[in-house]
PDB file of N, CA and C in Angstrom:
ATOM      1  N   UNK A   1    -149.685  15.838  10.818  1.00  0.00           N
ATOM      2  CA  UNK A   1    -148.795  14.952  10.370  1.00  0.00           C
ATOM      3  C   UNK A   1    -148.857  14.556   8.847  1.00  0.00           C
ATOM      4  N   UNK A   2    -148.803  13.931   7.848  1.00  0.00           N
ATOM      5  CA  UNK A   2    -149.439  14.303   6.579  1.00  0.00           C
ATOM      6  C   UNK A   2    -149.213  11.990   6.654  1.00  0.00           C
ATOM      7  N   UNK A   3    -150.593  11.425   5.738  1.00  0.00           N
ATOM      8  CA  UNK A   3    -150.246  10.237   6.212  1.00  0.00           C
ATOM      9  C   UNK A   3    -149.317   9.225   4.942  1.00  0.00           C
ATOM     10  N   UNK A   4    -148.463   9.453   5.430  1.00  0.00           N
ATOM     11  CA  UNK A   4    -147.326   9.249   4.525  1.00  0.00           C
ATOM     12  C   UNK A   4    -147.000   7.710   4.129  1.00  0.00           C
ATOM     13  N   UNK A   5    -147.081   7.101   3.567  1.00  0.00           N
ATOM     14  CA  UNK A   5    -146.709   5.329   3.218  1.00  0.00           C
ATOM     15  C   UNK A   5    -145.381   5.129   3.252  1.00  0.00           C
ATOM     16  N   UNK A   6    -144.717   4.535   4.259  1.00  0.00           N
ATOM     17  CA  UNK A   6    -143.456   4.564   4.724  1.00  0.00           C
ATOM     18  C   UNK A   6    -142.722   3.796   3.348  1.00  0.00           C
ATOM     19  N   UNK A   7    -143.709   3.209   2.462  1.00  0.00           N
ATOM     20  CA  UNK A   7    -142.784   2.658   1.216  1.00  0.00           C
ATOM     21  C   UNK A   7    -142.507   3.824   0.339  1.00  0.00           C
ATOM     22  N   UNK A   8    -143.018   4.623   1.069  1.00  0.00           N
ATOM     23  CA  UNK A   8    -142.610   6.002  -0.392  1.00  0.00           C
ATOM     24  C   UNK A   8    -141.635   6.912   0.089  1.00  0.00           C
ATOM     25  N   UNK A   9    -141.572   6.968   1.399  1.00  0.00           N
ATOM     26  CA  UNK A   9    -140.066   7.654   2.062  1.00  0.00           C
ATOM     27  C   UNK A   9    -138.379   6.679   2.027  1.00  0.00           C
ATOM     28  N   UNK A  10    -137.798   7.763   1.780  1.00  0.00           N
ATOM     29  CA  UNK A  10    -136.157   7.576   1.913  1.00  0.00           C
ATOM     30  C   UNK A  10    -135.775   6.181   2.538  1.00  0.00           C
ATOM     31  N   UNK A  11    -135.319   5.110   2.653  1.00  0.00           N
ATOM     32  CA  UNK A  11    -134.406   4.379   3.561  1.00  0.00           C
ATOM     33  C   UNK A  11    -133.349   5.234   4.244  1.00  0.00           C
ATOM     34  N   UNK A  12    -133.336   5.055   5.723  1.00  0.00           N
ATOM     35  CA  UNK A  12    -132.334   6.172   6.048  1.00  0.00           C
ATOM     36  C   UNK A  12    -131.653   5.359   7.526  1.00  0.00           C
ATOM     37  N   UNK A  13    -130.224   4.998   7.720  1.00  0.00           N
ATOM     38  CA  UNK A  13    -129.726   5.510   9.220  1.00  0.00           C
ATOM     39  C   UNK A  13    -130.113   6.436  10.219  1.00  0.00           C
ATOM     40  N   UNK A  14    -130.229   7.571   9.194  1.00  0.00           N
ATOM     41  CA  UNK A  14    -130.469   9.144  10.158  1.00  0.00           C
ATOM     42  C   UNK A  14    -131.785   8.896  10.735  1.00  0.00           C
ATOM     43  N   UNK A  15    -131.301   9.168  12.420  1.00  0.00           N
ATOM     44  CA  UNK A  15    -132.755   9.377  12.889  1.00  0.00           C
ATOM     45  C   UNK A  15    -133.829  10.536  12.458  1.00  0.00           C
ATOM     46  N   UNK A  16    -132.416  11.572  12.412  1.00  0.00           N
ATOM     47  CA  UNK A  16    -133.570  12.888  12.286  1.00  0.00           C
ATOM     48  C   UNK A  16    -134.112  13.686  10.830  1.00  0.00           C
ATOM     49  N   UNK A  17    -133.484  12.164   9.907  1.00  0.00           N
ATOM     50  CA  UNK A  17    -133.804  12.851   9.017  1.00  0.00           C
ATOM     51  C   UNK A  17    -136.222  12.929   8.584  1.00  0.00           C
ATOM     52  N   UNK A  18    -136.376  13.846   7.515  1.00  0.00           N
ATOM     53  CA  UNK A  18    -137.806  13.761   7.485  1.00  0.00           C
ATOM     54  C   UNK A  18    -137.831  14.035   5.815  1.00  0.00           C
ATOM     55  N   UNK A  19    -138.243  12.926   5.355  1.00  0.00           N
ATOM     56  CA  UNK A  19    -138.708  12.867   4.563  1.00  0.00           C
ATOM     57  C   UNK A  19    -139.693  12.866   3.967  1.00  0.00           C
ATOM     58  N   UNK A  20    -140.294  13.553   3.193  1.00  0.00           N
ATOM     59  CA  UNK A  20    -142.129  13.008   2.958  1.00  0.00           C
ATOM     60  C   UNK A  20    -142.594  13.841   1.867  1.00  0.00           C
ATOM     61  N   UNK A  21    -142.159  12.729   0.662  1.00  0.00           N
ATOM     62  CA  UNK A  21    -142.093  13.263  -0.270  1.00  0.00           C
ATOM     63  C   UNK A  21    -144.101  14.214  -0.659  1.00  0.00           C
ATOM     64  N   UNK A  22    -143.478  14.884  -1.677  1.00  0.00           N
ATOM     65  CA  UNK A  22    -144.574  15.854  -2.099  1.00  0.00           C
ATOM     66  C   UNK A  22    -144.719  16.117  -3.849  1.00  0.00           C
ATOM     67  N   UNK A  23    -143.945  15.587  -4.060  1.00  0.00           N
ATOM     68  CA  UNK A  23    -144.553  15.886  -5.702  1.00  0.00           C
ATOM     69  C   UNK A  23    -143.964  14.676  -6.478  1.00  0.00           C
ATOM     70  N   UNK A  24    -144.047  14.259  -7.638  1.00  0.00           N
ATOM     71  CA  UNK A  24    -143.745  13.360  -8.541  1.00  0.00           C
ATOM     72  C   UNK A  24    -141.819  12.728  -8.915  1.00  0.00           C
ATOM     73  N   UNK A  25    -141.299  14.578  -8.941  1.00  0.00           N
ATOM     74  CA  UNK A  25    -139.825  14.550  -9.276  1.00  0.00           C
ATOM     75  C   UNK A  25    -139.539  14.054  -7.649  1.00  0.00           C
ATOM     76  N   UNK A  26    -140.134  14.306  -6.144  1.00  0.00           N
ATOM     77  CA  UNK A  26    -139.290  13.518  -5.548  1.00  0.00           C
ATOM     78  C   UNK A  26    -139.624  12.625  -5.113  1.00  0.00           C
ATOM     79  N   UNK A  27    -140.115  11.983  -5.574  1.00  0.00           N
ATOM     80  CA  UNK A  27    -141.004  10.714  -5.497  1.00  0.00           C
ATOM     81  C   UNK A  27    -139.699   9.525  -6.501  1.00  0.00           C
ATOM     82  N   UNK A  28    -139.588  10.049  -7.935  1.00  0.00           N
ATOM     83  CA  UNK A  28    -138.536   9.944  -8.759  1.00  0.00           C
ATOM     84  C   UNK A  28    -137.305   9.859  -7.996  1.00  0.00           C
ATOM     85  N   UNK A  29    -136.457  11.161  -7.247  1.00  0.00           N
ATOM     86  CA  UNK A  29    -135.436  10.977  -6.528  1.00  0.00           C
ATOM     87  C   UNK A  29    -135.339  10.098  -5.816  1.00  0.00           C
ATOM     88  N   UNK A  30    -136.785   9.598  -4.776  1.00  0.00           N
ATOM     89  CA  UNK A  30    -136.131   8.945  -3.011  1.00  0.00           C
ATOM     90  C   UNK A  30    -136.122   6.744  -4.359  1.00  0.00           C
ATOM     91  N   UNK A  31    -136.922   6.862  -5.513  1.00  0.00           N
ATOM     92  CA  UNK A  31    -137.035   5.719  -6.340  1.00  0.00           C
ATOM     93  C   UNK A  31    -135.280   5.390  -6.492  1.00  0.00           C
ATOM     94  N   UNK A  32    -134.989   5.953  -6.834  1.00  0.00           N
ATOM     95  CA  UNK A  32    -133.976   5.696  -7.989  1.00  0.00           C
ATOM     96  C   UNK A  32    -132.531   5.729  -6.761  1.00  0.00           C
ATOM     97  N   UNK A  33    -132.335   6.921  -6.139  1.00  0.00           N
ATOM     98  CA  UNK A  33    -131.289   6.909  -4.513  1.00  0.00           C
ATOM     99  C   UNK A  33    -131.456   5.011  -3.792  1.00  0.00           C
ATOM    100  N   UNK A  34    -132.956   4.393  -3.608  1.00  0.00           N
ATOM    101  CA  UNK A  34    -133.213   3.475  -3.845  1.00  0.00           C
ATOM    102  C   UNK A  34    -132.526   2.382  -4.239  1.00  0.00           C
ATOM    103  N   UNK A  35    -132.840   2.385  -5.307  1.00  0.00           N
ATOM    104  CA  UNK A  35    -132.651   1.258  -6.609  1.00  0.00           C
ATOM    105  C   UNK A  35    -131.340   1.355  -6.266  1.00  0.00           C
ATOM    106  N   UNK A  36    -129.842   2.870  -6.202  1.00  0.00           N
ATOM    107  CA  UNK A  36    -128.560   2.365  -6.358  1.00  0.00           C
ATOM    108  C   UNK A  36    -128.099   2.075  -4.796  1.00  0.00           C
ATOM    109  N   UNK A  37    -129.061   2.058  -3.810  1.00  0.00           N
ATOM    110  CA  UNK A  37    -128.568   2.149  -2.798  1.00  0.00           C
ATOM    111  C   UNK A  37    -129.123   0.235  -2.621  1.00  0.00           C
ATOM    112  N   UNK A  38    -129.207  -0.028  -3.223  1.00  0.00           N
ATOM    113  CA  UNK A  38    -130.053  -1.834  -3.045  1.00  0.00           C
ATOM    114  C   UNK A  38    -128.880  -1.792  -4.195  1.00  0.00           C
ATOM    115  N   UNK A  39    -128.473  -2.113  -5.515  1.00  0.00           N
ATOM    116  CA  UNK A  39    -126.908  -2.432  -6.165  1.00  0.00           C
ATOM    117  C   UNK A  39    -126.115  -2.569  -5.634  1.00  0.00           C
ATOM    118  N   UNK A  40    -125.699  -0.927  -4.700  1.00  0.00           N
ATOM    119  CA  UNK A  40    -124.079  -0.800  -4.074  1.00  0.00           C
ATOM    120  C   UNK A  40    -124.468  -1.967  -2.879  1.00  0.00           C
ATOM    121  N   UNK A  41    -125.340  -2.260  -2.497  1.00  0.00           N
ATOM    122  CA  UNK A  41    -124.937  -3.479  -1.318  1.00  0.00           C
ATOM    123  C   UNK A  41    -125.094  -4.510  -1.603  1.00  0.00           C
ATOM    124  N   UNK A  42    -125.808  -4.747  -2.961  1.00  0.00           N
ATOM    125  CA  UNK A  42    -125.583  -6.394  -3.640  1.00  0.00           C
ATOM    126  C   UNK A  42    -124.414  -6.235  -4.158  1.00  0.00           C
ATOM    127  N   UNK A  43    -124.089  -6.048  -5.268  1.00  0.00           N
ATOM    128  CA  UNK A  43    -122.698  -5.916  -5.559  1.00  0.00           C
ATOM    129  C   UNK A  43    -121.527  -5.320  -4.078  1.00  0.00           C
ATOM    130  N   UNK A  44    -121.429  -5.073  -2.948  1.00  0.00           N
ATOM    131  CA  UNK A  44    -121.307  -4.866  -1.666  1.00  0.00           C
ATOM    132  C   UNK A  44    -120.343  -5.710  -1.525  1.00  0.00           C
ATOM    133  N   UNK A  45    -121.879  -6.778  -1.793  1.00  0.00           N
ATOM    134  CA  UNK A  45    -121.761  -8.505  -0.854  1.00  0.00           C
ATOM    135  C   UNK A  45    -121.118  -9.429  -1.932  1.00  0.00           C
ATOM    136  N   UNK A  46    -121.287  -8.816  -3.101  1.00  0.00           N
ATOM    137  CA  UNK A  46    -120.872 -10.013  -3.760  1.00  0.00           C
ATOM    138  C   UNK A  46    -119.391  -9.988  -4.547  1.00  0.00           C
ATOM    139  N   UNK A  47    -119.000  -8.625  -4.182  1.00  0.00           N
ATOM    140  CA  UNK A  47    -116.971  -8.456  -4.286  1.00  0.00           C
ATOM    141  C   UNK A  47    -116.486  -8.179  -3.119  1.00  0.00           C
ATOM    142  N   UNK A  48    -117.437  -8.415  -1.843  1.00  0.00           N
ATOM    143  CA  UNK A  48    -116.831  -8.390  -0.086  1.00  0.00           C
ATOM    144  C   UNK A  48    -116.353  -7.549  -0.174  1.00  0.00           C
ATOM    145  N   UNK A  49    -116.521  -6.244  -0.646  1.00  0.00           N
ATOM    146  CA  UNK A  49    -116.481  -5.215  -0.284  1.00  0.00           C
ATOM    147  C   UNK A  49    -114.505  -4.150  -0.630  1.00  0.00           C
ATOM    148  N   UNK A  50    -114.394  -4.666  -1.713  1.00  0.00           N
ATOM    149  CA  UNK A  50    -113.333  -5.033  -2.126  1.00  0.00           C
ATOM    150  C   UNK A  50    -112.638  -3.013  -2.635  1.00  0.00           C
ATOM    151  N   UNK A  51    -114.068  -2.447  -3.150  1.00  0.00           N
ATOM    152  CA  UNK A  51    -114.412  -0.979  -3.102  1.00  0.00           C
ATOM    153  C   UNK A  51    -113.289   0.047  -2.632  1.00  0.00           C
ATOM    154  N   UNK A  52    -113.773  -0.528  -1.302  1.00  0.00           N
ATOM    155  CA  UNK A  52    -113.199   0.127  -0.018  1.00  0.00           C
ATOM    156  C   UNK A  52    -112.896  -0.417   1.115  1.00  0.00           C
ATOM    157  N   UNK A  53    -112.499  -1.814   0.817  1.00  0.00           N
ATOM    158  CA  UNK A  53    -111.071  -2.473   1.673  1.00  0.00           C
ATOM    159  C   UNK A  53    -110.533  -3.668   0.275  1.00  0.00           C
ATOM    160  N   UNK A  54    -109.775  -3.277  -0.552  1.00  0.00           N
ATOM    161  CA  UNK A  54    -109.317  -4.104  -1.504  1.00  0.00           C
ATOM    162  C   UNK A  54    -108.291  -4.455  -1.607  1.00  0.00           C
ATOM    163  N   UNK A  55    -107.964  -6.445  -1.324  1.00  0.00           N
ATOM    164  CA  UNK A  55    -106.913  -6.511  -0.732  1.00  0.00           C
ATOM    165  C   UNK A  55    -105.569  -6.660  -1.681  1.00  0.00           C
ATOM    166  N   UNK A  56    -105.690  -5.866  -2.286  1.00  0.00           N
ATOM    167  CA  UNK A  56    -104.224  -5.317  -3.089  1.00  0.00           C
ATOM    168  C   UNK A  56    -103.029  -6.102  -4.025  1.00  0.00           C
ATOM    169  N   UNK A  57    -103.641  -7.271  -4.247  1.00  0.00           N
ATOM    170  CA  UNK A  57    -102.729  -8.061  -4.617  1.00  0.00           C
ATOM    171  C   UNK A  57    -101.792  -7.542  -5.767  1.00  0.00           C
ATOM    172  N   UNK A  58    -102.199  -7.199  -6.438  1.00  0.00           N
ATOM    173  CA  UNK A  58    -101.539  -6.042  -8.016  1.00  0.00           C
ATOM    174  C   UNK A  58    -101.497  -4.373  -7.598  1.00  0.00           C
ATOM    175  N   UNK A  59    -102.407  -4.349  -7.541  1.00  0.00           N
ATOM    176  CA  UNK A  59    -102.693  -2.521  -6.897  1.00  0.00           C
ATOM    177  C   UNK A  59    -102.179  -2.450  -5.428  1.00  0.00           C
ATOM    178  N   UNK A  60    -101.311  -1.277  -5.212  1.00  0.00           N
ATOM    179  CA  UNK A  60    -100.680  -1.123  -3.821  1.00  0.00           C
ATOM    180  C   UNK A  60    -101.647   0.478  -4.161  1.00  0.00           C
ATOM    181  N   UNK A  61    -102.186   0.801  -4.533  1.00  0.00           N
ATOM    182  CA  UNK A  61    -102.910   2.483  -4.300  1.00  0.00           C
ATOM    183  C   UNK A  61    -104.092   1.890  -3.163  1.00  0.00           C
ATOM    184  N   UNK A  62    -104.137   2.912  -2.551  1.00  0.00           N
ATOM    185  CA  UNK A  62    -104.995   3.021  -1.248  1.00  0.00           C
ATOM    186  C   UNK A  62    -106.368   3.113  -2.081  1.00  0.00           C
ATOM    187  N   UNK A  63    -108.255   2.740  -1.410  1.00  0.00           N
ATOM    188  CA  UNK A  63    -109.639   2.692  -1.575  1.00  0.00           C
ATOM    189  C   UNK A  63    -109.734   4.125  -2.645  1.00  0.00           C
ATOM    190  N   UNK A  64    -109.204   5.060  -2.153  1.00  0.00           N
ATOM    191  CA  UNK A  64    -109.628   6.114  -3.048  1.00  0.00           C
ATOM    192  C   UNK A  64    -108.501   6.356  -4.330  1.00  0.00           C
ATOM    193  N   UNK A  65    -107.676   6.637  -4.474  1.00  0.00           N
ATOM    194  CA  UNK A  65    -107.102   6.187  -6.222  1.00  0.00           C
ATOM    195  C   UNK A  65    -107.770   4.573  -6.964  1.00  0.00           C
ATOM    196  N   UNK A  66    -107.433   3.828  -6.447  1.00  0.00           N
ATOM    197  CA  UNK A  66    -108.278   2.633  -6.919  1.00  0.00           C
ATOM    198  C   UNK A  66    -110.013   3.593  -7.458  1.00  0.00           C
ATOM    199  N   UNK A  67    -110.246   4.039  -6.706  1.00  0.00           N
ATOM    200  CA  UNK A  67    -111.996   4.064  -7.589  1.00  0.00           C
ATOM    201  C   UNK A  67    -112.004   5.709  -8.450  1.00  0.00           C
ATOM    202  N   UNK A  68    -111.743   5.873  -7.712  1.00  0.00           N
ATOM    203  CA  UNK A  68    -110.354   7.425  -8.963  1.00  0.00           C
ATOM    204  C   UNK A  68    -110.403   6.825  -9.805  1.00  0.00           C
ATOM    205  N   UNK A  69    -109.491   5.969 -10.287  1.00  0.00           N
ATOM    206  CA  UNK A  69    -109.527   4.892 -11.494  1.00  0.00           C
ATOM    207  C   UNK A  69    -110.163   4.610 -11.938  1.00  0.00           C
ATOM    208  N   UNK A  70    -111.427   3.773 -11.300  1.00  0.00           N
ATOM    209  CA  UNK A  70    -112.476   3.511 -12.102  1.00  0.00           C
ATOM    210  C   UNK A  70    -113.590   4.575 -12.601  1.00  0.00           C
ATOM    211  N   UNK A  71    -113.515   5.470 -12.092  1.00  0.00           N
ATOM    212  CA  UNK A  71    -114.251   6.294 -12.430  1.00  0.00           C
ATOM    213  C   UNK A  71    -113.932   6.824 -13.673  1.00  0.00           C
ATOM    214  N   UNK A  72    -112.693   6.917 -13.842  1.00  0.00           N
ATOM    215  CA  UNK A  72    -111.533   7.583 -14.835  1.00  0.00           C
ATOM    216  C   UNK A  72    -112.002   6.564 -16.147  1.00  0.00           C
ATOM    217  N   UNK A  73    -112.255   6.068 -15.825  1.00  0.00           N
ATOM    218  CA  UNK A  73    -112.521   4.353 -16.959  1.00  0.00           C
ATOM    219  C   UNK A  73    -113.695   4.751 -17.102  1.00  0.00           C
ATOM    220  N   UNK A  74    -114.755   4.947 -16.297  1.00  0.00           N
ATOM    221  CA  UNK A  74    -115.989   4.936 -17.123  1.00  0.00           C
ATOM    222  C   UNK A  74    -116.425   5.981 -17.802  1.00  0.00           C
ATOM    223  N   UNK A  75    -115.525   7.102 -17.468  1.00  0.00           N
ATOM    224  CA  UNK A  75    -115.763   8.963 -17.752  1.00  0.00           C
ATOM    225  C   UNK A  75    -115.490   8.327 -19.081  1.00  0.00           C
ATOM    226  N   UNK A  76    -114.042   7.840 -18.935  1.00  0.00           N
ATOM    227  CA  UNK A  76    -113.624   7.520 -20.826  1.00  0.00           C
ATOM    228  C   UNK A  76    -114.193   6.434 -21.467  1.00  0.00           C
ATOM    229  N   UNK A  77    -115.235   6.127 -21.419  1.00  0.00           N
ATOM    230  CA  UNK A  77    -116.351   5.073 -22.006  1.00  0.00           C
ATOM    231  C   UNK A  77    -117.134   5.900 -22.256  1.00  0.00           C
ATOM    232  N   UNK A  78    -117.906   6.708 -21.736  1.00  0.00           N
ATOM    233  CA  UNK A  78    -118.510   7.978 -22.071  1.00  0.00           C
ATOM    234  C   UNK A  78    -117.996   8.830 -23.095  1.00  0.00           C
ATOM    235  N   UNK A  79    -116.828   8.813 -23.094  1.00  0.00           N
ATOM    236  CA  UNK A  79    -116.361  10.559 -23.957  1.00  0.00           C
ATOM    237  C   UNK A  79    -115.622   9.832 -25.006  1.00  0.00           C
ATOM    238  N   UNK A  80    -116.023   8.515 -25.621  1.00  0.00           N
ATOM    239  CA  UNK A  80    -115.409   7.310 -26.207  1.00  0.00           C
ATOM    240  C   UNK A  80    -116.826   7.008 -27.020  1.00  0.00           C
ATOM    241  N   UNK A  81    -118.020   7.000 -26.334  1.00  0.00           N
ATOM    242  CA  UNK A  81    -119.181   6.791 -26.607  1.00  0.00           C
ATOM    243  C   UNK A  81    -119.288   4.817 -27.066  1.00  0.00           C
ATOM    244  N   UNK A  82    -118.847   3.856 -26.095  1.00  0.00           N
ATOM    245  CA  UNK A  82    -118.451   2.840 -26.358  1.00  0.00           C
ATOM    246  C   UNK A  82    -118.673   1.956 -24.880  1.00  0.00           C
ATOM    247  N   UNK A  83    -119.796   1.774 -25.052  1.00  0.00           N
ATOM    248  CA  UNK A  83    -120.243   1.286 -23.863  1.00  0.00           C
ATOM    249  C   UNK A  83    -119.922  -0.316 -24.022  1.00  0.00           C
ATOM    250  N   UNK A  84    -119.539  -0.750 -23.333  1.00  0.00           N
ATOM    251  CA  UNK A  84    -119.571  -2.337 -22.677  1.00  0.00           C
ATOM    252  C   UNK A  84    -121.129  -3.522 -22.833  1.00  0.00           C
ATOM    253  N   UNK A  85    -120.812  -4.093 -23.075  1.00  0.00           N
ATOM    254  CA  UNK A  85    -122.653  -4.952 -23.323  1.00  0.00           C
ATOM    255  C   UNK A  85    -122.483  -5.621 -21.771  1.00  0.00           C
ATOM    256  N   UNK A  86    -123.884  -5.461 -21.467  1.00  0.00           N
ATOM    257  CA  UNK A  86    -123.992  -5.765 -20.154  1.00  0.00           C
ATOM    258  C   UNK A  86    -124.205  -4.921 -19.119  1.00  0.00           C
ATOM    259  N   UNK A  87    -122.947  -4.142 -19.549  1.00  0.00           N
ATOM    260  CA  UNK A  87    -122.593  -2.757 -17.778  1.00  0.00           C
ATOM    261  C   UNK A  87    -123.662  -2.019 -18.334  1.00  0.00           C
ATOM    262  N   UNK A  88    -123.586  -1.479 -17.467  1.00  0.00           N
ATOM    263  CA  UNK A  88    -124.674   0.123 -16.822  1.00  0.00           C
ATOM    264  C   UNK A  88    -123.560   1.059 -16.720  1.00  0.00           C
ATOM    265  N   UNK A  89    -123.432   1.654 -17.357  1.00  0.00           N
ATOM    266  CA  UNK A  89    -122.081   2.635 -16.696  1.00  0.00           C
ATOM    267  C   UNK A  89    -122.813   3.430 -16.513  1.00  0.00           C
ATOM    268  N   UNK A  90    -123.849   4.277 -16.669  1.00  0.00           N
ATOM    269  CA  UNK A  90    -124.416   5.400 -15.758  1.00  0.00           C
ATOM    270  C   UNK A  90    -124.502   4.400 -14.174  1.00  0.00           C
ATOM    271  N   UNK A  91    -125.312   3.741 -13.981  1.00  0.00           N
ATOM    272  CA  UNK A  91    -125.484   2.997 -12.643  1.00  0.00           C
ATOM    273  C   UNK A  91    -123.929   2.879 -11.938  1.00  0.00           C
ATOM    274  N   UNK A  92    -122.758   2.736 -12.702  1.00  0.00           N
ATOM    275  CA  UNK A  92    -121.621   1.843 -12.412  1.00  0.00           C
ATOM    276  C   UNK A  92    -121.007   3.213 -11.896  1.00  0.00           C
ATOM    277  N   UNK A  93    -121.085   4.433 -12.791  1.00  0.00           N
ATOM    278  CA  UNK A  93    -120.465   5.863 -12.451  1.00  0.00           C
ATOM    279  C   UNK A  93    -120.913   6.240 -10.989  1.00  0.00           C
ATOM    280  N   UNK A  94    -122.356   6.028 -11.519  1.00  0.00           N
ATOM    281  CA  UNK A  94    -122.993   6.929 -10.069  1.00  0.00           C
ATOM    282  C   UNK A  94    -122.693   5.662  -8.286  1.00  0.00           C
ATOM    283  N   UNK A  95    -122.156   4.998  -8.501  1.00  0.00           N
ATOM    284  CA  UNK A  95    -121.327   3.670  -7.716  1.00  0.00           C
ATOM    285  C   UNK A  95    -120.513   4.159  -7.504  1.00  0.00           C
ATOM    286  N   UNK A  96    -119.525   4.383  -7.945  1.00  0.00           N
ATOM    287  CA  UNK A  96    -118.492   4.578  -7.455  1.00  0.00           C
ATOM    288  C   UNK A  96    -117.998   5.667  -7.020  1.00  0.00           C
ATOM    289  N   UNK A  97    -119.553   7.208  -7.793  1.00  0.00           N
ATOM    290  CA  UNK A  97    -119.393   8.681  -6.814  1.00  0.00           C
ATOM    291  C   UNK A  97    -119.597   8.073  -5.423  1.00  0.00           C
ATOM    292  N   UNK A  98    -120.748   7.810  -5.211  1.00  0.00           N
ATOM    293  CA  UNK A  98    -121.069   6.969  -3.380  1.00  0.00           C
ATOM    294  C   UNK A  98    -120.258   6.828  -3.183  1.00  0.00           C
ATOM    295  N   UNK A  99    -119.108   5.345  -3.427  1.00  0.00           N
ATOM    296  CA  UNK A  99    -118.366   4.365  -2.777  1.00  0.00           C
ATOM    297  C   UNK A  99    -117.213   5.550  -2.479  1.00  0.00           C
ATOM    298  N   UNK A 100    -116.755   7.032  -3.741  1.00  0.00           N
ATOM    299  CA  UNK A 100    -115.997   7.371  -3.047  1.00  0.00           C
ATOM    300  C   UNK A 100    -116.305   8.649  -2.285  1.00  0.00           C
ATOM    301  N   UNK A 101    -117.166   9.070  -2.245  1.00  0.00           N
ATOM    302  CA  UNK A 101    -117.628  10.187  -1.073  1.00  0.00           C
ATOM    303  C   UNK A 101    -117.918   9.318   0.116  1.00  0.00           C
ATOM    304  N   UNK A 102    -118.440   7.516   0.258  1.00  0.00           N
ATOM    305  CA  UNK A 102    -118.080   6.759   1.408  1.00  0.00           C
ATOM    306  C   UNK A 102    -116.640   7.388   2.250  1.00  0.00           C
ATOM    307  N   UNK A 103    -115.853   7.014   1.193  1.00  0.00           N
ATOM    308  CA  UNK A 103    -113.719   7.161   1.737  1.00  0.00           C
ATOM    309  C   UNK A 103    -113.329   7.575   2.008  1.00  0.00           C
ATOM    310  N   UNK A 104    -114.218   9.352   0.999  1.00  0.00           N
ATOM    311  CA  UNK A 104    -113.846  10.297   1.843  1.00  0.00           C
ATOM    312  C   UNK A 104    -114.062  10.874   2.986  1.00  0.00           C
ATOM    313  N   UNK A 105    -114.754   9.836   3.573  1.00  0.00           N
ATOM    314  CA  UNK A 105    -115.886  10.202   4.851  1.00  0.00           C
ATOM    315  C   UNK A 105    -115.041   9.929   6.275  1.00  0.00           C
ATOM    316  N   UNK A 106    -114.176  10.287   6.834  1.00  0.00           N
ATOM    317  CA  UNK A 106    -113.571   9.223   8.094  1.00  0.00           C
ATOM    318  C   UNK A 106    -114.623   8.615   8.834  1.00  0.00           C
ATOM    319  N   UNK A 107    -115.964   8.467   8.935  1.00  0.00           N
ATOM    320  CA  UNK A 107    -116.746   8.167   9.996  1.00  0.00           C
ATOM    321  C   UNK A 107    -117.277   6.883   9.522  1.00  0.00           C
ATOM    322  N   UNK A 108    -116.790   6.092   8.063  1.00  0.00           N
ATOM    323  CA  UNK A 108    -116.564   5.162   7.558  1.00  0.00           C
ATOM    324  C   UNK A 108    -116.118   3.601   8.489  1.00  0.00           C
ATOM    325  N   UNK A 109    -114.901   4.568   8.849  1.00  0.00           N
ATOM    326  CA  UNK A 109    -114.104   3.425   9.502  1.00  0.00           C
ATOM    327  C   UNK A 109    -114.550   3.030  10.419  1.00  0.00           C
TER     328      UNK A 109
END
């Protein structure tokens, strides 16, 4: 077995996952995925899991539809070339897509 630095592997809850970074690109993939996970966890805590368990005060749409609307809003900004100062639309879009993937999975409940 390779002597792989644990900090160079993807953090995962899947005990069967075997990630052994081989090249620079794979290391970059792991780094970006970990950054996305960190961002999503921080935002999830800050917003009280509102993406997957919305309080539905004004909107009665389910969480999947609400995520699709947020994704549409981000894509609309890209199409118009309008970024909102202080936002990172690419990170937000990736985050919303990850959350939609989770919402589409019945195992998260």
